[in-house]
Amino acid sequence: MASTTRIDEPPTAQGAKAITRALRERLLLRQGHAALVVDDAPHLLLDFVQDQMVVPLGVPMGSLAQDLSDLFPSLSLHGLSERRYLDLADTLPRQPLRPLLWQWGQRPAHWQDLEARLRRGTRVRLLRWPDFRVLGHQHDSFRLCSLLLKRASSVAECATLLEVPEEAVRSVVRPAYLCGYAALEDLGPTPAPVRSSGSGTLLARMWRSVRQRTGG
């Protein structure tokens, strides 16, 4: 596929907020194909069914996550038929999609709406474990995910319970939300506090059980 390829399909989402919503919906449904487009040219081809992506010729892979962040305001998402996607992808290599989205989500720019909700104390719940490839060996990220799987918590609550900076929590929440791993919950009754016991805090016991299950 040449870099001069144009996308004639009409956009289905434009702007950071609309694209984030559309990506989350498609990822959760595992349905359809699309292209992220800049100036009528594809910057990324997306296969939500297989959870894969194709990087068009001429698009630098090494800086792709940062490029997507920089280009977010001018990006548009265009739905593609499966046949059109396969024609555009041709024989280019398929790669896992969510690791790239996770890196993209860790860039702090253009997340004003999400940040505003998080600063108001909106709680985050993890719907399922992220792909372990996106977490790597980030110890605090595993601890945070184990907490958010057990109970919905605000950024401030996570930071207090885990004794980590709030920005470290946001750097996980943003990509988890973009990738469809996490959902936001309206404010309700405050969850019961984590209490100490003879065998340690509830959070510590939760973390130990997760490590035992994952062989960590």
C-alpha atoms as a PDB file:
ATOM      1  CA  MET A   1       0.000   0.000   0.000  1.00  0.00           C
ATOM      2  CA  ALA A   2       1.522   3.316  -1.035  1.00  0.00           C
ATOM      3  CA  SER A   3       1.604   6.255   1.343  1.00  0.00           C
ATOM      4  CA  THR A   4      -0.457   8.238  -1.204  1.00  0.00           C
ATOM      5  CA  THR A   5      -3.538   6.056  -0.572  1.00  0.00           C
ATOM      6  CA  ARG A   6      -6.589   8.164   0.248  1.00  0.00           C
ATOM      7  CA  ILE A   7      -9.517   7.245   2.448  1.00  0.00           C
ATOM      8  CA  ASP A   8     -12.795   8.160   0.766  1.00  0.00           C
ATOM      9  CA  GLU A   9     -15.101   6.624   3.399  1.00  0.00           C
ATOM     10  CA  PRO A  10     -16.853   9.297   5.517  1.00  0.00           C
ATOM     11  CA  PRO A  11     -15.580   9.827   9.073  1.00  0.00           C
ATOM     12  CA  THR A  12     -17.482   8.159  11.897  1.00  0.00           C
ATOM     13  CA  ALA A  13     -15.733  10.127  14.664  1.00  0.00           C
ATOM     14  CA  GLN A  14     -13.622  13.274  14.848  1.00  0.00           C
ATOM     15  CA  GLY A  15     -11.850  14.849  17.787  1.00  0.00           C
ATOM     16  CA  ALA A  16     -10.316  13.255  20.870  1.00  0.00           C
ATOM     17  CA  LYS A  17     -13.532  12.679  22.829  1.00  0.00           C
ATOM     18  CA  ALA A  18     -15.507  11.135  19.953  1.00  0.00           C
ATOM     19  CA  ILE A  19     -12.599   8.960  18.805  1.00  0.00           C
ATOM     20  CA  THR A  20     -11.986   7.692  22.346  1.00  0.00           C
ATOM     21  CA  ARG A  21     -15.656   6.743  22.700  1.00  0.00           C
ATOM     22  CA  ALA A  22     -15.709   5.014  19.296  1.00  0.00           C
ATOM     23  CA  LEU A  23     -12.494   3.073  19.954  1.00  0.00           C
ATOM     24  CA  ARG A  24     -13.777   1.873  23.336  1.00  0.00           C
ATOM     25  CA  GLU A  25     -17.069   0.700  21.827  1.00  0.00           C
ATOM     26  CA  ARG A  26     -15.416  -1.145  18.948  1.00  0.00           C
ATOM     27  CA  LEU A  27     -12.842  -2.781  21.229  1.00  0.00           C
ATOM     28  CA  LEU A  28     -15.501  -3.950  23.669  1.00  0.00           C
ATOM     29  CA  LEU A  29     -17.671  -5.342  20.863  1.00  0.00           C
ATOM     30  CA  ARG A  30     -14.663  -6.780  18.947  1.00  0.00           C
ATOM     31  CA  GLN A  31     -16.439  -5.721  15.816  1.00  0.00           C
ATOM     32  CA  GLY A  32     -15.505  -4.051  12.551  1.00  0.00           C
ATOM     33  CA  HIS A  33     -12.521  -2.406  10.876  1.00  0.00           C
ATOM     34  CA  ALA A  34     -11.447   1.224  10.677  1.00  0.00           C
ATOM     35  CA  ALA A  35      -8.682   3.662   9.797  1.00  0.00           C
ATOM     36  CA  LEU A  36      -7.289   6.578  11.753  1.00  0.00           C
ATOM     37  CA  VAL A  37      -6.807   9.263   9.138  1.00  0.00           C
ATOM     38  CA  VAL A  38      -4.793  12.477   8.832  1.00  0.00           C
ATOM     39  CA  ASP A  39      -5.258  14.722   5.776  1.00  0.00           C
ATOM     40  CA  ASP A  40      -7.286  12.019   4.007  1.00  0.00           C
ATOM     41  CA  ALA A  41      -4.428   9.486   4.316  1.00  0.00           C
ATOM     42  CA  PRO A  42      -4.477   6.438   6.635  1.00  0.00           C
ATOM     43  CA  HIS A  43      -2.165   6.736   9.644  1.00  0.00           C
ATOM     44  CA  LEU A  44      -3.238   3.434  11.203  1.00  0.00           C
ATOM     45  CA  LEU A  45      -5.474   0.546  10.100  1.00  0.00           C
ATOM     46  CA  LEU A  46      -7.506  -1.128  12.836  1.00  0.00           C
ATOM     47  CA  ASP A  47      -8.958  -4.646  12.970  1.00  0.00           C
ATOM     48  CA  PHE A  48     -11.181  -4.811  16.061  1.00  0.00           C
ATOM     49  CA  VAL A  49     -12.225  -8.399  15.347  1.00  0.00           C
ATOM     50  CA  GLN A  50      -8.677  -9.739  15.596  1.00  0.00           C
ATOM     51  CA  ASP A  51      -7.453  -6.980  17.960  1.00  0.00           C
ATOM     52  CA  GLN A  52      -4.751  -6.112  15.434  1.00  0.00           C
ATOM     53  CA  MET A  53      -3.384  -3.110  13.595  1.00  0.00           C
ATOM     54  CA  VAL A  54      -1.488  -2.421  10.392  1.00  0.00           C
ATOM     55  CA  VAL A  55       0.889   0.513  10.043  1.00  0.00           C
ATOM     56  CA  PRO A  56       0.813   1.921   6.484  1.00  0.00           C
ATOM     57  CA  LEU A  57       4.018   2.343   4.522  1.00  0.00           C
ATOM     58  CA  GLY A  58       5.688   5.637   5.239  1.00  0.00           C
ATOM     59  CA  VAL A  59       4.301   5.949   8.787  1.00  0.00           C
ATOM     60  CA  PRO A  60       7.136   5.725  11.371  1.00  0.00           C
ATOM     61  CA  MET A  61       6.443   2.883  13.795  1.00  0.00           C
ATOM     62  CA  GLY A  62       8.986   3.936  16.395  1.00  0.00           C
ATOM     63  CA  SER A  63       7.233   7.204  17.220  1.00  0.00           C
ATOM     64  CA  LEU A  64       3.679   6.115  16.399  1.00  0.00           C
ATOM     65  CA  ALA A  65       2.219   6.478  19.918  1.00  0.00           C
ATOM     66  CA  GLN A  66       3.635   9.983  20.305  1.00  0.00           C
ATOM     67  CA  ASP A  67       2.565  10.911  16.768  1.00  0.00           C
ATOM     68  CA  LEU A  68      -1.002   9.819  17.506  1.00  0.00           C
ATOM     69  CA  SER A  69      -0.968  11.935  20.661  1.00  0.00           C
ATOM     70  CA  ASP A  70       0.377  14.967  18.794  1.00  0.00           C
ATOM     71  CA  LEU A  71      -2.120  14.501  15.961  1.00  0.00           C
ATOM     72  CA  PHE A  72      -5.135  13.691  18.186  1.00  0.00           C
ATOM     73  CA  PRO A  73      -7.015  16.975  17.488  1.00  0.00           C
ATOM     74  CA  SER A  74      -6.747  16.488  13.709  1.00  0.00           C
ATOM     75  CA  LEU A  75      -7.362  12.734  13.590  1.00  0.00           C
ATOM     76  CA  SER A  76     -10.576  11.249  12.238  1.00  0.00           C
ATOM     77  CA  LEU A  77     -11.840   7.667  12.495  1.00  0.00           C
ATOM     78  CA  HIS A  78     -13.321   6.107   9.360  1.00  0.00           C
ATOM     79  CA  GLY A  79     -15.171   2.801   9.329  1.00  0.00           C
ATOM     80  CA  LEU A  80     -14.031   0.306   6.695  1.00  0.00           C
ATOM     81  CA  SER A  81     -15.589  -2.814   5.258  1.00  0.00           C
ATOM     82  CA  GLU A  82     -13.568  -5.977   5.785  1.00  0.00           C
ATOM     83  CA  ARG A  83     -12.775  -6.123   2.081  1.00  0.00           C
ATOM     84  CA  ARG A  84     -11.596  -2.512   2.017  1.00  0.00           C
ATOM     85  CA  TYR A  85      -9.455  -3.118   5.104  1.00  0.00           C
ATOM     86  CA  LEU A  86      -7.830  -6.180   3.527  1.00  0.00           C
ATOM     87  CA  ASP A  87      -7.169  -4.258   0.302  1.00  0.00           C
ATOM     88  CA  LEU A  88      -5.479  -1.460   2.224  1.00  0.00           C
ATOM     89  CA  ALA A  89      -3.546  -3.763   4.544  1.00  0.00           C
ATOM     90  CA  ASP A  90      -2.391  -5.924   1.618  1.00  0.00           C
ATOM     91  CA  THR A  91       0.619  -7.979   2.762  1.00  0.00           C
ATOM     92  CA  LEU A  92       1.815  -5.588   5.466  1.00  0.00           C
ATOM     93  CA  PRO A  93       2.486  -7.235   8.852  1.00  0.00           C
ATOM     94  CA  ARG A  94      -0.288  -7.370  11.444  1.00  0.00           C
ATOM     95  CA  GLN A  95       0.623  -6.341  14.978  1.00  0.00           C
ATOM     96  CA  PRO A  96      -1.209  -6.383  18.336  1.00  0.00           C
ATOM     97  CA  LEU A  97      -3.401  -3.309  18.696  1.00  0.00           C
ATOM     98  CA  ARG A  98      -3.787  -2.749  22.429  1.00  0.00           C
ATOM     99  CA  PRO A  99      -0.092  -2.376  23.338  1.00  0.00           C
ATOM    100  CA  LEU A 100       0.029   0.634  20.990  1.00  0.00           C
ATOM    101  CA  LEU A 101      -3.222   2.064  22.387  1.00  0.00           C
ATOM    102  CA  TRP A 102      -1.822   1.632  25.902  1.00  0.00           C
ATOM    103  CA  GLN A 103       1.286   3.635  24.977  1.00  0.00           C
ATOM    104  CA  TRP A 104      -0.896   6.263  23.325  1.00  0.00           C
ATOM    105  CA  GLY A 105      -3.106   6.533  26.387  1.00  0.00           C
ATOM    106  CA  GLN A 106      -0.093   7.148  28.639  1.00  0.00           C
ATOM    107  CA  ARG A 107       0.558  10.459  26.866  1.00  0.00           C
ATOM    108  CA  PRO A 108      -1.200  13.085  29.040  1.00  0.00           C
ATOM    109  CA  ALA A 109      -2.268  15.556  26.328  1.00  0.00           C
ATOM    110  CA  HIS A 110      -5.872  15.860  25.072  1.00  0.00           C
ATOM    111  CA  TRP A 111      -7.530  13.998  27.948  1.00  0.00           C
ATOM    112  CA  GLN A 112      -9.231  17.052  29.444  1.00  0.00           C
ATOM    113  CA  ASP A 113     -12.704  15.526  29.777  1.00  0.00           C
ATOM    114  CA  LEU A 114     -11.434  12.344  31.414  1.00  0.00           C
ATOM    115  CA  GLU A 115      -9.071  14.306  33.667  1.00  0.00           C
ATOM    116  CA  ALA A 116     -11.909  16.576  34.779  1.00  0.00           C
ATOM    117  CA  ARG A 117     -14.026  13.581  35.803  1.00  0.00           C
ATOM    118  CA  LEU A 118     -11.132  11.955  37.633  1.00  0.00           C
ATOM    119  CA  ARG A 119     -10.383  15.175  39.539  1.00  0.00           C
ATOM    120  CA  ARG A 120     -14.033  15.335  40.637  1.00  0.00           C
ATOM    121  CA  GLY A 121     -13.516  11.991  42.342  1.00  0.00           C
ATOM    122  CA  THR A 122     -15.193   9.725  39.775  1.00  0.00           C
ATOM    123  CA  ARG A 123     -14.307   6.148  40.586  1.00  0.00           C
ATOM    124  CA  VAL A 124     -12.626   3.734  38.205  1.00  0.00           C
ATOM    125  CA  ARG A 125     -13.402   0.034  37.978  1.00  0.00           C
ATOM    126  CA  LEU A 126     -11.282  -2.419  36.042  1.00  0.00           C
ATOM    127  CA  LEU A 127     -13.479  -4.744  33.975  1.00  0.00           C
ATOM    128  CA  ARG A 128     -10.775  -7.357  33.368  1.00  0.00           C
ATOM    129  CA  TRP A 129      -7.023  -7.748  33.514  1.00  0.00           C
ATOM    130  CA  PRO A 130      -5.176  -5.819  30.790  1.00  0.00           C
ATOM    131  CA  ASP A 131      -3.023  -7.698  28.333  1.00  0.00           C
ATOM    132  CA  PHE A 132       0.105  -8.555  30.325  1.00  0.00           C
ATOM    133  CA  ARG A 133       2.225  -7.252  27.439  1.00  0.00           C
ATOM    134  CA  VAL A 134       1.081  -3.702  28.202  1.00  0.00           C
ATOM    135  CA  LEU A 135       1.969  -3.950  31.892  1.00  0.00           C
ATOM    136  CA  GLY A 136       5.381  -5.547  31.479  1.00  0.00           C
ATOM    137  CA  HIS A 137       7.244  -5.527  34.779  1.00  0.00           C
ATOM    138  CA  GLN A 138       5.551  -2.412  36.187  1.00  0.00           C
ATOM    139  CA  HIS A 139       5.045  -3.473  39.793  1.00  0.00           C
ATOM    140  CA  ASP A 140       2.820  -0.539  40.759  1.00  0.00           C
ATOM    141  CA  SER A 141       0.615  -1.089  37.694  1.00  0.00           C
ATOM    142  CA  PHE A 142      -0.080  -4.682  38.773  1.00  0.00           C
ATOM    143  CA  ARG A 143      -0.906  -3.498  42.287  1.00  0.00           C
ATOM    144  CA  LEU A 144      -3.247  -0.828  40.940  1.00  0.00           C
ATOM    145  CA  CYS A 145      -5.020  -3.267  38.609  1.00  0.00           C
ATOM    146  CA  SER A 146      -5.525  -5.775  41.414  1.00  0.00           C
ATOM    147  CA  LEU A 147      -7.093  -3.040  43.544  1.00  0.00           C
ATOM    148  CA  LEU A 148      -9.415  -1.770  40.788  1.00  0.00           C
ATOM    149  CA  LEU A 149     -10.581  -5.283  39.982  1.00  0.00           C
ATOM    150  CA  LYS A 150     -11.690  -5.699  43.603  1.00  0.00           C
ATOM    151  CA  ARG A 151     -13.290  -2.299  44.167  1.00  0.00           C
ATOM    152  CA  ALA A 152     -14.009   0.860  42.237  1.00  0.00           C
ATOM    153  CA  SER A 153     -11.799   3.639  43.562  1.00  0.00           C
ATOM    154  CA  SER A 154     -10.994   7.255  42.785  1.00  0.00           C
ATOM    155  CA  VAL A 155      -7.517   8.359  41.773  1.00  0.00           C
ATOM    156  CA  ALA A 156      -6.993   9.886  45.213  1.00  0.00           C
ATOM    157  CA  GLU A 157      -8.094   6.679  46.961  1.00  0.00           C
ATOM    158  CA  CYS A 158      -5.737   4.586  44.828  1.00  0.00           C
ATOM    159  CA  ALA A 159      -2.847   6.934  45.497  1.00  0.00           C
ATOM    160  CA  THR A 160      -3.476   6.831  49.247  1.00  0.00           C
ATOM    161  CA  LEU A 161      -3.944   3.074  49.499  1.00  0.00           C
ATOM    162  CA  LEU A 162      -0.951   2.213  47.335  1.00  0.00           C
ATOM    163  CA  GLU A 163       1.239   5.119  48.446  1.00  0.00           C
ATOM    164  CA  VAL A 164       2.021   6.209  44.894  1.00  0.00           C
ATOM    165  CA  PRO A 165       1.703   9.627  43.187  1.00  0.00           C
ATOM    166  CA  GLU A 166      -1.690  10.435  41.671  1.00  0.00           C
ATOM    167  CA  GLU A 167      -0.078  10.923  38.249  1.00  0.00           C
ATOM    168  CA  ALA A 168       1.200   7.340  38.413  1.00  0.00           C
ATOM    169  CA  VAL A 169      -2.424   6.241  38.891  1.00  0.00           C
ATOM    170  CA  ARG A 170      -3.630   8.388  35.990  1.00  0.00           C
ATOM    171  CA  SER A 171      -0.905   6.987  33.718  1.00  0.00           C
ATOM    172  CA  VAL A 172      -2.582   3.580  34.122  1.00  0.00           C
ATOM    173  CA  VAL A 173      -6.205   4.740  34.219  1.00  0.00           C
ATOM    174  CA  ARG A 174      -5.990   6.714  30.961  1.00  0.00           C
ATOM    175  CA  PRO A 175      -4.794   3.830  28.753  1.00  0.00           C
ATOM    176  CA  ALA A 176      -6.985   1.306  30.591  1.00  0.00           C
ATOM    177  CA  TYR A 177     -10.006   3.489  29.804  1.00  0.00           C
ATOM    178  CA  LEU A 178      -8.996   3.994  26.148  1.00  0.00           C
ATOM    179  CA  CYS A 179      -8.450   0.252  25.670  1.00  0.00           C
ATOM    180  CA  GLY A 180     -11.840  -0.628  27.180  1.00  0.00           C
ATOM    181  CA  TYR A 181     -10.323  -2.379  30.196  1.00  0.00           C
ATOM    182  CA  ALA A 182     -11.778   0.168  32.637  1.00  0.00           C
ATOM    183  CA  ALA A 183     -15.076   1.964  33.178  1.00  0.00           C
ATOM    184  CA  LEU A 184     -15.991   5.062  35.165  1.00  0.00           C
ATOM    185  CA  GLU A 185     -18.634   4.975  37.878  1.00  0.00           C
ATOM    186  CA  ASP A 186     -20.695   7.892  39.138  1.00  0.00           C
ATOM    187  CA  LEU A 187     -20.155   8.885  42.726  1.00  0.00           C
ATOM    188  CA  GLY A 188     -22.121   6.810  45.203  1.00  0.00           C
ATOM    189  CA  PRO A 189     -21.627   5.533  48.734  1.00  0.00           C
ATOM    190  CA  THR A 190     -17.998   5.544  49.788  1.00  0.00           C
ATOM    191  CA  PRO A 191     -16.554   2.002  49.771  1.00  0.00           C
ATOM    192  CA  ALA A 192     -15.664   0.528  53.136  1.00  0.00           C
ATOM    193  CA  PRO A 193     -12.149   1.539  54.184  1.00  0.00           C
ATOM    194  CA  VAL A 194      -9.306  -0.905  53.907  1.00  0.00           C
ATOM    195  CA  ARG A 195      -8.655  -2.044  57.470  1.00  0.00           C
ATOM    196  CA  SER A 196      -5.651  -3.590  59.076  1.00  0.00           C
ATOM    197  CA  SER A 197      -5.727  -7.031  60.638  1.00  0.00           C
ATOM    198  CA  GLY A 198      -3.278  -9.447  62.159  1.00  0.00           C
ATOM    199  CA  SER A 199      -2.304 -10.723  58.716  1.00  0.00           C
ATOM    200  CA  GLY A 200      -1.906  -7.263  57.158  1.00  0.00           C
ATOM    201  CA  THR A 201      -4.177  -4.944  55.184  1.00  0.00           C
ATOM    202  CA  LEU A 202      -6.919  -6.161  52.895  1.00  0.00           C
ATOM    203  CA  LEU A 203      -5.040  -4.650  49.970  1.00  0.00           C
ATOM    204  CA  ALA A 204      -1.876  -6.542  50.886  1.00  0.00           C
ATOM    205  CA  ARG A 205      -3.846  -9.810  51.052  1.00  0.00           C
ATOM    206  CA  MET A 206      -5.475  -9.025  47.694  1.00  0.00           C
ATOM    207  CA  TRP A 207      -2.073  -8.394  46.138  1.00  0.00           C
ATOM    208  CA  ARG A 208      -0.607 -11.602  47.583  1.00  0.00           C
ATOM    209  CA  SER A 209      -3.476 -13.633  46.165  1.00  0.00           C
ATOM    210  CA  VAL A 210      -3.008 -12.082  42.714  1.00  0.00           C
ATOM    211  CA  ARG A 211       0.715 -12.831  42.773  1.00  0.00           C
ATOM    212  CA  GLN A 212       0.017 -16.446  43.767  1.00  0.00           C
ATOM    213  CA  ARG A 213      -2.462 -16.885  40.918  1.00  0.00           C
ATOM    214  CA  THR A 214      -0.101 -15.374  38.348  1.00  0.00           C
ATOM    215  CA  GLY A 215       3.000 -17.116  39.625  1.00  0.00           C
ATOM    216  CA  GLY A 216       4.578 -13.808  40.680  1.00  0.00           C
END
